[in-house]
PDB file of N, CA and C in Angstrom:
ATOM      1  N   MET A   1       1.150  -1.700  -0.438  1.00  0.00           N
ATOM      2  CA  MET A   1      -0.120  -0.063  -0.436  1.00  0.00           C
ATOM      3  C   MET A   1       1.014   1.433   0.089  1.00  0.00           C
ATOM      4  N   VAL A   2       0.438   2.626  -0.844  1.00  0.00           N
ATOM      5  CA  VAL A   2       0.926   3.277  -1.360  1.00  0.00           C
ATOM      6  C   VAL A   2       0.911   4.646  -0.618  1.00  0.00           C
ATOM      7  N   SER A   3       0.940   5.555   0.573  1.00  0.00           N
ATOM      8  CA  SER A   3       0.248   6.889   0.631  1.00  0.00           C
ATOM      9  C   SER A   3       0.771   7.851   0.464  1.00  0.00           C
ATOM     10  N   VAL A   4      -0.365   8.900  -0.026  1.00  0.00           N
ATOM     11  CA  VAL A   4       0.340  10.404  -0.542  1.00  0.00           C
ATOM     12  C   VAL A   4       0.887  11.725   0.281  1.00  0.00           C
ATOM     13  N   ASP A   5       1.904  11.607   0.354  1.00  0.00           N
ATOM     14  CA  ASP A   5       2.147  12.603   1.655  1.00  0.00           C
ATOM     15  C   ASP A   5       1.674  12.535   3.078  1.00  0.00           C
ATOM     16  N   VAL A   6       0.362  12.023   3.182  1.00  0.00           N
ATOM     17  CA  VAL A   6       0.675  10.821   4.657  1.00  0.00           C
ATOM     18  C   VAL A   6      -0.670   9.630   4.519  1.00  0.00           C
ATOM     19  N   ALA A   7      -0.270   9.164   5.656  1.00  0.00           N
ATOM     20  CA  ALA A   7      -1.555   7.528   5.896  1.00  0.00           C
ATOM     21  C   ALA A   7      -2.415   7.944   5.988  1.00  0.00           C
ATOM     22  N   SER A   8      -3.409   7.715   4.672  1.00  0.00           N
ATOM     23  CA  SER A   8      -5.429   8.349   5.641  1.00  0.00           C
ATOM     24  C   SER A   8      -5.561   8.073   7.347  1.00  0.00           C
ATOM     25  N   GLY A   9      -5.520   8.707   8.159  1.00  0.00           N
ATOM     26  CA  GLY A   9      -6.506   8.517   8.836  1.00  0.00           C
ATOM     27  C   GLY A   9      -5.455   9.087  10.424  1.00  0.00           C
ATOM     28  N   VAL A  10      -3.850   9.588   9.725  1.00  0.00           N
ATOM     29  CA  VAL A  10      -2.714   9.869  10.365  1.00  0.00           C
ATOM     30  C   VAL A  10      -2.931  11.880   9.994  1.00  0.00           C
ATOM     31  N   VAL A  11      -2.505  12.256  11.227  1.00  0.00           N
ATOM     32  CA  VAL A  11      -2.052  13.431  11.646  1.00  0.00           C
ATOM     33  C   VAL A  11      -0.877  14.186  11.672  1.00  0.00           C
ATOM     34  N   ALA A  12      -0.224  14.965   9.816  1.00  0.00           N
ATOM     35  CA  ALA A  12       0.296  14.839   9.624  1.00  0.00           C
ATOM     36  C   ALA A  12       1.644  15.712  11.235  1.00  0.00           C
ATOM     37  N   SER A  13       0.647  16.458  11.183  1.00  0.00           N
ATOM     38  CA  SER A  13       1.560  17.783  12.035  1.00  0.00           C
ATOM     39  C   SER A  13       1.562  17.377  13.453  1.00  0.00           C
ATOM     40  N   THR A  14       1.358  15.633  13.583  1.00  0.00           N
ATOM     41  CA  THR A  14       1.454  15.251  15.627  1.00  0.00           C
ATOM     42  C   THR A  14       1.828  14.069  14.918  1.00  0.00           C
ATOM     43  N   GLY A  15       1.266  13.385  14.277  1.00  0.00           N
ATOM     44  CA  GLY A  15       1.225  11.892  14.437  1.00  0.00           C
ATOM     45  C   GLY A  15      -0.473  11.557  15.034  1.00  0.00           C
ATOM     46  N   ALA A  16      -0.510  12.419  15.492  1.00  0.00           N
ATOM     47  CA  ALA A  16      -2.050  11.247  16.372  1.00  0.00           C
ATOM     48  C   ALA A  16      -3.432  10.568  15.159  1.00  0.00           C
ATOM     49  N   ILE A  17      -3.856   9.451  15.794  1.00  0.00           N
ATOM     50  CA  ILE A  17      -4.642   8.445  14.268  1.00  0.00           C
ATOM     51  C   ILE A  17      -6.116   9.227  14.866  1.00  0.00           C
ATOM     52  N   HIS A  18      -6.705   9.667  13.596  1.00  0.00           N
ATOM     53  CA  HIS A  18      -8.529   9.750  13.743  1.00  0.00           C
ATOM     54  C   HIS A  18      -9.310   9.344  13.492  1.00  0.00           C
ATOM     55  N   GLY A  19      -9.808   8.284  13.488  1.00  0.00           N
ATOM     56  CA  GLY A  19     -10.835   6.531  13.376  1.00  0.00           C
ATOM     57  C   GLY A  19      -9.108   5.965  12.529  1.00  0.00           C
ATOM     58  N   PRO A  20     -10.539   5.616  11.862  1.00  0.00           N
ATOM     59  CA  PRO A  20      -9.958   4.191  11.045  1.00  0.00           C
ATOM     60  C   PRO A  20      -8.572   5.203  10.294  1.00  0.00           C
ATOM     61  N   ALA A  21      -7.252   4.013  10.147  1.00  0.00           N
ATOM     62  CA  ALA A  21      -6.020   5.255   9.636  1.00  0.00           C
ATOM     63  C   ALA A  21      -5.786   3.341   8.567  1.00  0.00           C
ATOM     64  N   VAL A  22      -5.286   3.860   8.009  1.00  0.00           N
ATOM     65  CA  VAL A  22      -3.229   2.818   6.395  1.00  0.00           C
ATOM     66  C   VAL A  22      -2.708   2.960   7.020  1.00  0.00           C
ATOM     67  N   PHE A  23      -2.139   1.782   6.906  1.00  0.00           N
ATOM     68  CA  PHE A  23      -0.878   1.102   6.808  1.00  0.00           C
ATOM     69  C   PHE A  23      -0.471   0.908   6.119  1.00  0.00           C
ATOM     70  N   ALA A  24       0.619   1.686   5.480  1.00  0.00           N
ATOM     71  CA  ALA A  24       1.146   1.809   4.228  1.00  0.00           C
ATOM     72  C   ALA A  24       2.653   1.472   4.435  1.00  0.00           C
ATOM     73  N   ASP A  25       2.919   0.875   2.988  1.00  0.00           N
ATOM     74  CA  ASP A  25       4.268  -0.177   3.225  1.00  0.00           C
ATOM     75  C   ASP A  25       5.447   1.156   2.908  1.00  0.00           C
ATOM     76  N   LEU A  26       4.257   2.384   2.247  1.00  0.00           N
ATOM     77  CA  LEU A  26       5.736   3.172   1.333  1.00  0.00           C
ATOM     78  C   LEU A  26       5.305   4.543   1.706  1.00  0.00           C
ATOM     79  N   THR A  27       5.179   5.537   2.660  1.00  0.00           N
ATOM     80  CA  THR A  27       4.367   6.794   1.790  1.00  0.00           C
ATOM     81  C   THR A  27       5.827   7.522   1.079  1.00  0.00           C
ATOM     82  N   VAL A  28       4.580   8.759  -0.067  1.00  0.00           N
ATOM     83  CA  VAL A  28       5.417   9.902  -0.577  1.00  0.00           C
ATOM     84  C   VAL A  28       5.489  10.650   0.387  1.00  0.00           C
ATOM     85  N   ALA A  29       6.364  11.417   1.245  1.00  0.00           N
ATOM     86  CA  ALA A  29       5.841  12.644   2.032  1.00  0.00           C
ATOM     87  C   ALA A  29       6.195  13.961   0.514  1.00  0.00           C
ATOM     88  N   LEU A  30       5.196  14.845   0.665  1.00  0.00           N
ATOM     89  CA  LEU A  30       5.113  15.448  -0.935  1.00  0.00           C
ATOM     90  C   LEU A  30       6.544  17.440  -0.699  1.00  0.00           C
ATOM     91  N   HIS A  31       6.922  17.854  -0.751  1.00  0.00           N
ATOM     92  CA  HIS A  31       7.337  18.925  -0.058  1.00  0.00           C
ATOM     93  C   HIS A  31       8.202  18.500   0.838  1.00  0.00           C
ATOM     94  N   ALA A  32       7.522  18.059   1.827  1.00  0.00           N
ATOM     95  CA  ALA A  32       8.724  17.736   2.713  1.00  0.00           C
ATOM     96  C   ALA A  32       8.860  16.890   3.938  1.00  0.00           C
ATOM     97  N   ALA A  33       9.224  15.902   4.918  1.00  0.00           N
ATOM     98  CA  ALA A  33       8.112  15.625   5.810  1.00  0.00           C
ATOM     99  C   ALA A  33       7.874  15.817   6.931  1.00  0.00           C
ATOM    100  N   LYS A  34       7.248  15.323   7.059  1.00  0.00           N
ATOM    101  CA  LYS A  34       6.103  15.798   8.501  1.00  0.00           C
ATOM    102  C   LYS A  34       6.826  14.649   9.364  1.00  0.00           C
ATOM    103  N   ILE A  35       6.105  15.507  10.567  1.00  0.00           N
ATOM    104  CA  ILE A  35       6.355  15.556  12.041  1.00  0.00           C
ATOM    105  C   ILE A  35       5.841  14.056  11.740  1.00  0.00           C
ATOM    106  N   GLY A  36       4.073  14.056  11.513  1.00  0.00           N
ATOM    107  CA  GLY A  36       3.289  12.618  11.852  1.00  0.00           C
ATOM    108  C   GLY A  36       3.932  11.663  11.167  1.00  0.00           C
ATOM    109  N   HIS A  37       4.605  11.545  10.084  1.00  0.00           N
ATOM    110  CA  HIS A  37       5.873  10.208   9.379  1.00  0.00           C
ATOM    111  C   HIS A  37       6.493   9.240  11.069  1.00  0.00           C
ATOM    112  N   PHE A  38       7.378  10.083  11.922  1.00  0.00           N
ATOM    113  CA  PHE A  38       8.438   9.686  12.890  1.00  0.00           C
ATOM    114  C   PHE A  38       7.931   9.659  14.607  1.00  0.00           C
ATOM    115  N   VAL A  39       6.838  10.008  14.797  1.00  0.00           N
ATOM    116  CA  VAL A  39       6.284  10.126  16.271  1.00  0.00           C
ATOM    117  C   VAL A  39       5.115   8.621  15.950  1.00  0.00           C
ATOM    118  N   THR A  40       5.287   8.726  17.717  1.00  0.00           N
ATOM    119  CA  THR A  40       3.775   7.634  17.642  1.00  0.00           C
ATOM    120  C   THR A  40       2.837   8.055  18.290  1.00  0.00           C
ATOM    121  N   PRO A  41       1.497   7.960  17.253  1.00  0.00           N
ATOM    122  CA  PRO A  41       1.586   5.897  17.023  1.00  0.00           C
ATOM    123  C   PRO A  41       1.507   6.622  14.989  1.00  0.00           C
ATOM    124  N   GLY A  42       1.900   7.723  14.722  1.00  0.00           N
ATOM    125  CA  GLY A  42       1.379   7.335  13.082  1.00  0.00           C
ATOM    126  C   GLY A  42       2.484   6.864  13.045  1.00  0.00           C
ATOM    127  N   GLY A  43       3.393   7.471  13.298  1.00  0.00           N
ATOM    128  CA  GLY A  43       4.748   6.747  12.749  1.00  0.00           C
ATOM    129  C   GLY A  43       4.517   5.351  12.754  1.00  0.00           C
ATOM    130  N   THR A  44       4.063   4.536  12.598  1.00  0.00           N
ATOM    131  CA  THR A  44       4.328   2.926  12.462  1.00  0.00           C
ATOM    132  C   THR A  44       3.201   2.623  11.641  1.00  0.00           C
ATOM    133  N   PHE A  45       2.175   3.587  11.298  1.00  0.00           N
ATOM    134  CA  PHE A  45       1.532   4.397  10.389  1.00  0.00           C
ATOM    135  C   PHE A  45       2.190   3.975   7.949  1.00  0.00           C
ATOM    136  N   SER A  46       3.179   4.198   8.396  1.00  0.00           N
ATOM    137  CA  SER A  46       4.162   5.406   7.288  1.00  0.00           C
ATOM    138  C   SER A  46       4.846   4.785   6.714  1.00  0.00           C
ATOM    139  N   GLY A  47       5.409   3.623   7.023  1.00  0.00           N
ATOM    140  CA  GLY A  47       6.502   2.819   6.602  1.00  0.00           C
ATOM    141  C   GLY A  47       7.216   3.593   6.507  1.00  0.00           C
ATOM    142  N   GLU A  48       8.130   3.312   5.209  1.00  0.00           N
ATOM    143  CA  GLU A  48       8.762   3.853   4.196  1.00  0.00           C
ATOM    144  C   GLU A  48       8.353   4.411   4.145  1.00  0.00           C
ATOM    145  N   VAL A  49       9.322   6.400   4.180  1.00  0.00           N
ATOM    146  CA  VAL A  49       8.831   7.399   3.767  1.00  0.00           C
ATOM    147  C   VAL A  49       9.830   8.093   2.727  1.00  0.00           C
ATOM    148  N   VAL A  50       9.514   8.459   1.855  1.00  0.00           N
ATOM    149  CA  VAL A  50      10.572   9.038   1.001  1.00  0.00           C
ATOM    150  C   VAL A  50       9.446  10.499  -0.393  1.00  0.00           C
ATOM    151  N   VAL A  51      10.491  11.180   0.361  1.00  0.00           N
ATOM    152  CA  VAL A  51      10.217  13.130  -0.315  1.00  0.00           C
ATOM    153  C   VAL A  51      10.507  13.212  -1.702  1.00  0.00           C
ATOM    154  N   SER A  52       9.115  13.719  -2.152  1.00  0.00           N
ATOM    155  CA  SER A  52       9.230  14.020  -3.319  1.00  0.00           C
ATOM    156  C   SER A  52       9.465  15.911  -3.720  1.00  0.00           C
ATOM    157  N   PRO A  53      10.243  16.064  -4.005  1.00  0.00           N
ATOM    158  CA  PRO A  53      10.493  17.819  -4.483  1.00  0.00           C
ATOM    159  C   PRO A  53       8.838  18.123  -5.210  1.00  0.00           C
ATOM    160  N   ILE A  54       8.492  18.943  -5.065  1.00  0.00           N
ATOM    161  CA  ILE A  54       7.344  19.883  -5.550  1.00  0.00           C
ATOM    162  C   ILE A  54       6.337  20.935  -6.581  1.00  0.00           C
ATOM    163  N   GLY A  55       7.998  21.631  -5.564  1.00  0.00           N
ATOM    164  CA  GLY A  55       8.335  22.705  -6.807  1.00  0.00           C
ATOM    165  C   GLY A  55       7.936  23.657  -5.133  1.00  0.00           C
ATOM    166  N   ILE A  56       7.853  24.278  -4.433  1.00  0.00           N
ATOM    167  CA  ILE A  56       7.526  24.860  -3.320  1.00  0.00           C
ATOM    168  C   ILE A  56       8.810  25.205  -3.110  1.00  0.00           C
ATOM    169  N   PRO A  57       9.463  27.011  -3.306  1.00  0.00           N
ATOM    170  CA  PRO A  57      10.511  26.834  -2.514  1.00  0.00           C
ATOM    171  C   PRO A  57      11.275  27.137  -1.626  1.00  0.00           C
ATOM    172  N   PRO A  58      12.404  27.291  -1.455  1.00  0.00           N
ATOM    173  CA  PRO A  58      13.042  26.350  -0.050  1.00  0.00           C
ATOM    174  C   PRO A  58      13.076  27.842   0.648  1.00  0.00           C
ATOM    175  N   LEU A  59      13.289  28.720   0.601  1.00  0.00           N
ATOM    176  CA  LEU A  59      12.601  29.756   0.785  1.00  0.00           C
ATOM    177  C   LEU A  59      11.610  29.903   1.883  1.00  0.00           C
ATOM    178  N   CYS A  60      10.120  28.621   1.949  1.00  0.00           N
ATOM    179  CA  CYS A  60       9.329  28.528   2.299  1.00  0.00           C
ATOM    180  C   CYS A  60       9.157  27.657   3.603  1.00  0.00           C
ATOM    181  N   ASP A  61      10.695  26.986   3.707  1.00  0.00           N
ATOM    182  CA  ASP A  61      11.251  26.482   5.085  1.00  0.00           C
ATOM    183  C   ASP A  61      11.746  27.241   5.853  1.00  0.00           C
ATOM    184  N   HIS A  62      11.903  28.709   5.712  1.00  0.00           N
ATOM    185  CA  HIS A  62      13.265  29.533   6.691  1.00  0.00           C
ATOM    186  C   HIS A  62      12.704  28.797   8.807  1.00  0.00           C
ATOM    187  N   ASP A  63      12.056  28.881   8.804  1.00  0.00           N
ATOM    188  CA  ASP A  63      11.249  29.109   9.828  1.00  0.00           C
ATOM    189  C   ASP A  63      11.485  28.392  10.575  1.00  0.00           C
ATOM    190  N   ALA A  64      11.684  27.062   9.886  1.00  0.00           N
ATOM    191  CA  ALA A  64      11.627  25.298  10.176  1.00  0.00           C
ATOM    192  C   ALA A  64      12.208  25.387  11.683  1.00  0.00           C
ATOM    193  N   ASP A  65      11.354  24.745  12.405  1.00  0.00           N
ATOM    194  CA  ASP A  65      11.958  24.492  13.961  1.00  0.00           C
ATOM    195  C   ASP A  65      11.662  22.915  14.807  1.00  0.00           C
ATOM    196  N   VAL A  66      11.712  22.089  13.274  1.00  0.00           N
ATOM    197  CA  VAL A  66      12.669  20.110  14.129  1.00  0.00           C
ATOM    198  C   VAL A  66      13.225  20.594  12.562  1.00  0.00           C
ATOM    199  N   TRP A  67      12.905  19.151  12.733  1.00  0.00           N
ATOM    200  CA  TRP A  67      15.048  18.763  12.032  1.00  0.00           C
ATOM    201  C   TRP A  67      14.858  17.555  12.052  1.00  0.00           C
ATOM    202  N   LEU A  68      15.088  16.546  10.848  1.00  0.00           N
ATOM    203  CA  LEU A  68      14.972  14.930  10.815  1.00  0.00           C
ATOM    204  C   LEU A  68      16.678  14.313  10.759  1.00  0.00           C
ATOM    205  N   LEU A  69      16.987  14.081  12.009  1.00  0.00           N
ATOM    206  CA  LEU A  69      17.952  13.685  12.346  1.00  0.00           C
ATOM    207  C   LEU A  69      18.427  12.541  10.882  1.00  0.00           C
ATOM    208  N   THR A  70      18.958  12.512  10.117  1.00  0.00           N
ATOM    209  CA  THR A  70      18.947  10.928   9.749  1.00  0.00           C
ATOM    210  C   THR A  70      21.090  10.303   9.560  1.00  0.00           C
ATOM    211  N   GLU A  71      20.552   9.662   9.533  1.00  0.00           N
ATOM    212  CA  GLU A  71      22.533   9.013   9.661  1.00  0.00           C
ATOM    213  C   GLU A  71      22.975   8.805   9.351  1.00  0.00           C
ATOM    214  N   ASP A  72      22.695   9.727   7.711  1.00  0.00           N
ATOM    215  CA  ASP A  72      24.586  11.080   7.449  1.00  0.00           C
ATOM    216  C   ASP A  72      24.022  11.627   8.617  1.00  0.00           C
ATOM    217  N   GLY A  73      23.220  12.640   8.575  1.00  0.00           N
ATOM    218  CA  GLY A  73      24.342  13.798  10.138  1.00  0.00           C
ATOM    219  C   GLY A  73      24.555  13.258  10.768  1.00  0.00           C
ATOM    220  N   VAL A  74      23.668  12.202  11.942  1.00  0.00           N
ATOM    221  CA  VAL A  74      25.014  11.974  12.529  1.00  0.00           C
ATOM    222  C   VAL A  74      26.214  11.683  11.923  1.00  0.00           C
ATOM    223  N   ALA A  75      26.323  11.143  10.771  1.00  0.00           N
ATOM    224  CA  ALA A  75      28.220  10.440  10.571  1.00  0.00           C
ATOM    225  C   ALA A  75      28.776  11.812  10.534  1.00  0.00           C
ATOM    226  N   GLN A  76      27.827  12.412  10.317  1.00  0.00           N
ATOM    227  CA  GLN A  76      28.802  14.126   9.703  1.00  0.00           C
ATOM    228  C   GLN A  76      29.077  14.877  11.320  1.00  0.00           C
ATOM    229  N   LEU A  77      28.993  14.624  12.425  1.00  0.00           N
ATOM    230  CA  LEU A  77      28.316  14.684  13.691  1.00  0.00           C
ATOM    231  C   LEU A  77      29.357  14.791  14.654  1.00  0.00           C
ATOM    232  N   LEU A  78      29.272  12.508  14.387  1.00  0.00           N
ATOM    233  CA  LEU A  78      30.899  11.687  15.108  1.00  0.00           C
ATOM    234  C   LEU A  78      32.316  11.946  14.587  1.00  0.00           C
ATOM    235  N   VAL A  79      32.948  12.581  14.910  1.00  0.00           N
ATOM    236  CA  VAL A  79      34.507  13.312  13.777  1.00  0.00           C
ATOM    237  C   VAL A  79      35.151  12.432  14.627  1.00  0.00           C
ATOM    238  N   PRO A  80      36.330  11.262  13.834  1.00  0.00           N
ATOM    239  CA  PRO A  80      37.008  10.000  14.579  1.00  0.00           C
ATOM    240  C   PRO A  80      38.213  10.915  15.438  1.00  0.00           C
ATOM    241  N   ARG A  81      38.867  10.711  16.374  1.00  0.00           N
ATOM    242  CA  ARG A  81      39.881  11.073  17.038  1.00  0.00           C
ATOM    243  C   ARG A  81      40.788  10.596  17.814  1.00  0.00           C
ATOM    244  N   ARG A  82      42.014  11.034  17.604  1.00  0.00           N
ATOM    245  CA  ARG A  82      42.633   9.970  17.841  1.00  0.00           C
ATOM    246  C   ARG A  82      42.461   9.451  19.037  1.00  0.00           C
ATOM    247  N   ALA A  83      42.726   8.548  19.975  1.00  0.00           N
ATOM    248  CA  ALA A  83      43.060   7.643  20.764  1.00  0.00           C
ATOM    249  C   ALA A  83      43.584   8.820  21.777  1.00  0.00           C
ATOM    250  N   ARG A  84      43.337   9.119  23.045  1.00  0.00           N
ATOM    251  CA  ARG A  84      44.581   9.817  24.212  1.00  0.00           C
ATOM    252  C   ARG A  84      43.950   9.128  25.062  1.00  0.00           C
ATOM    253  N   PRO A  85      44.865   7.974  25.371  1.00  0.00           N
ATOM    254  CA  PRO A  85      44.828   7.249  26.617  1.00  0.00           C
ATOM    255  C   PRO A  85      44.304   8.267  28.194  1.00  0.00           C
ATOM    256  N   GLN A  86      44.945   9.488  28.343  1.00  0.00           N
ATOM    257  CA  GLN A  86      44.386   9.892  29.245  1.00  0.00           C
ATOM    258  C   GLN A  86      42.774  10.499  29.177  1.00  0.00           C
ATOM    259  N   ALA A  87      42.495  10.501  28.160  1.00  0.00           N
ATOM    260  CA  ALA A  87      41.024  10.593  28.230  1.00  0.00           C
ATOM    261  C   ALA A  87      39.864   9.365  27.987  1.00  0.00           C
ATOM    262  N   LEU A  88      40.356   9.094  28.221  1.00  0.00           N
ATOM    263  CA  LEU A  88      40.153   6.955  28.500  1.00  0.00           C
ATOM    264  C   LEU A  88      38.563   7.311  30.280  1.00  0.00           C
ATOM    265  N   GLY A  89      37.126   7.758  29.657  1.00  0.00           N
ATOM    266  CA  GLY A  89      36.371   6.962  31.524  1.00  0.00           C
ATOM    267  C   GLY A  89      36.363   8.527  30.324  1.00  0.00           C
ATOM    268  N   ARG A  90      36.620   9.364  29.844  1.00  0.00           N
ATOM    269  CA  ARG A  90      35.630  11.017  30.772  1.00  0.00           C
ATOM    270  C   ARG A  90      34.722  11.449  29.077  1.00  0.00           C
ATOM    271  N   THR A  91      34.560  10.608  28.392  1.00  0.00           N
ATOM    272  CA  THR A  91      34.032  10.799  27.641  1.00  0.00           C
ATOM    273  C   THR A  91      32.461   9.594  27.538  1.00  0.00           C
ATOM    274  N   VAL A  92      31.214  10.831  27.009  1.00  0.00           N
ATOM    275  CA  VAL A  92      29.884   9.697  26.634  1.00  0.00           C
ATOM    276  C   VAL A  92      29.105  10.318  26.291  1.00  0.00           C
ATOM    277  N   LEU A  93      29.104   9.545  24.676  1.00  0.00           N
ATOM    278  CA  LEU A  93      27.874   9.069  23.857  1.00  0.00           C
ATOM    279  C   LEU A  93      27.212   8.406  23.861  1.00  0.00           C
ATOM    280  N   VAL A  94      25.631   9.035  25.048  1.00  0.00           N
ATOM    281  CA  VAL A  94      23.608   8.659  24.919  1.00  0.00           C
ATOM    282  C   VAL A  94      23.048   8.772  23.599  1.00  0.00           C
ATOM    283  N   VAL A  95      22.581   7.581  22.927  1.00  0.00           N
ATOM    284  CA  VAL A  95      21.757   8.080  21.246  1.00  0.00           C
ATOM    285  C   VAL A  95      20.650   6.878  22.761  1.00  0.00           C
ATOM    286  N   GLY A  96      19.658   7.951  21.724  1.00  0.00           N
ATOM    287  CA  GLY A  96      18.209   6.904  22.472  1.00  0.00           C
ATOM    288  C   GLY A  96      17.422   7.156  21.343  1.00  0.00           C
ATOM    289  N   GLY A  97      16.134   6.642  21.885  1.00  0.00           N
ATOM    290  CA  GLY A  97      15.002   6.068  20.446  1.00  0.00           C
ATOM    291  C   GLY A  97      14.081   5.234  20.344  1.00  0.00           C
ATOM    292  N   SER A  98      13.647   4.559  19.777  1.00  0.00           N
ATOM    293  CA  SER A  98      13.107   3.603  18.965  1.00  0.00           C
ATOM    294  C   SER A  98      12.949   3.804  18.329  1.00  0.00           C
ATOM    295  N   ARG A  99      12.655   2.300  17.704  1.00  0.00           N
ATOM    296  CA  ARG A  99      12.396   1.848  15.781  1.00  0.00           C
ATOM    297  C   ARG A  99      10.842   2.487  15.786  1.00  0.00           C
ATOM    298  N   ALA A 100       9.526   2.034  16.524  1.00  0.00           N
ATOM    299  CA  ALA A 100       8.326   2.847  17.167  1.00  0.00           C
ATOM    300  C   ALA A 100       7.758   3.378  16.891  1.00  0.00           C
TER     301      ALA A 100
END
């Protein structure tokens, strides 16, 4: 099942479900991914999310207050450092989340 923009029944801005909802295998998000694609319970209805540009100018997104941190984005944040034995035990990285 493919959904266009958001799975039917999922509120794009919150991920809430109102009434019956469709479990999509793939959701083609128009212009940008929405919060409802990733937070529960709506995120569990979205399946794989692919963003399709539809010609909305980027300046329309200048006040965005939500960002999606992707695997590539995380890779840019984690810069390898040379091993320093004196620093062992002093650095902690905590990553949290859920697949649901």
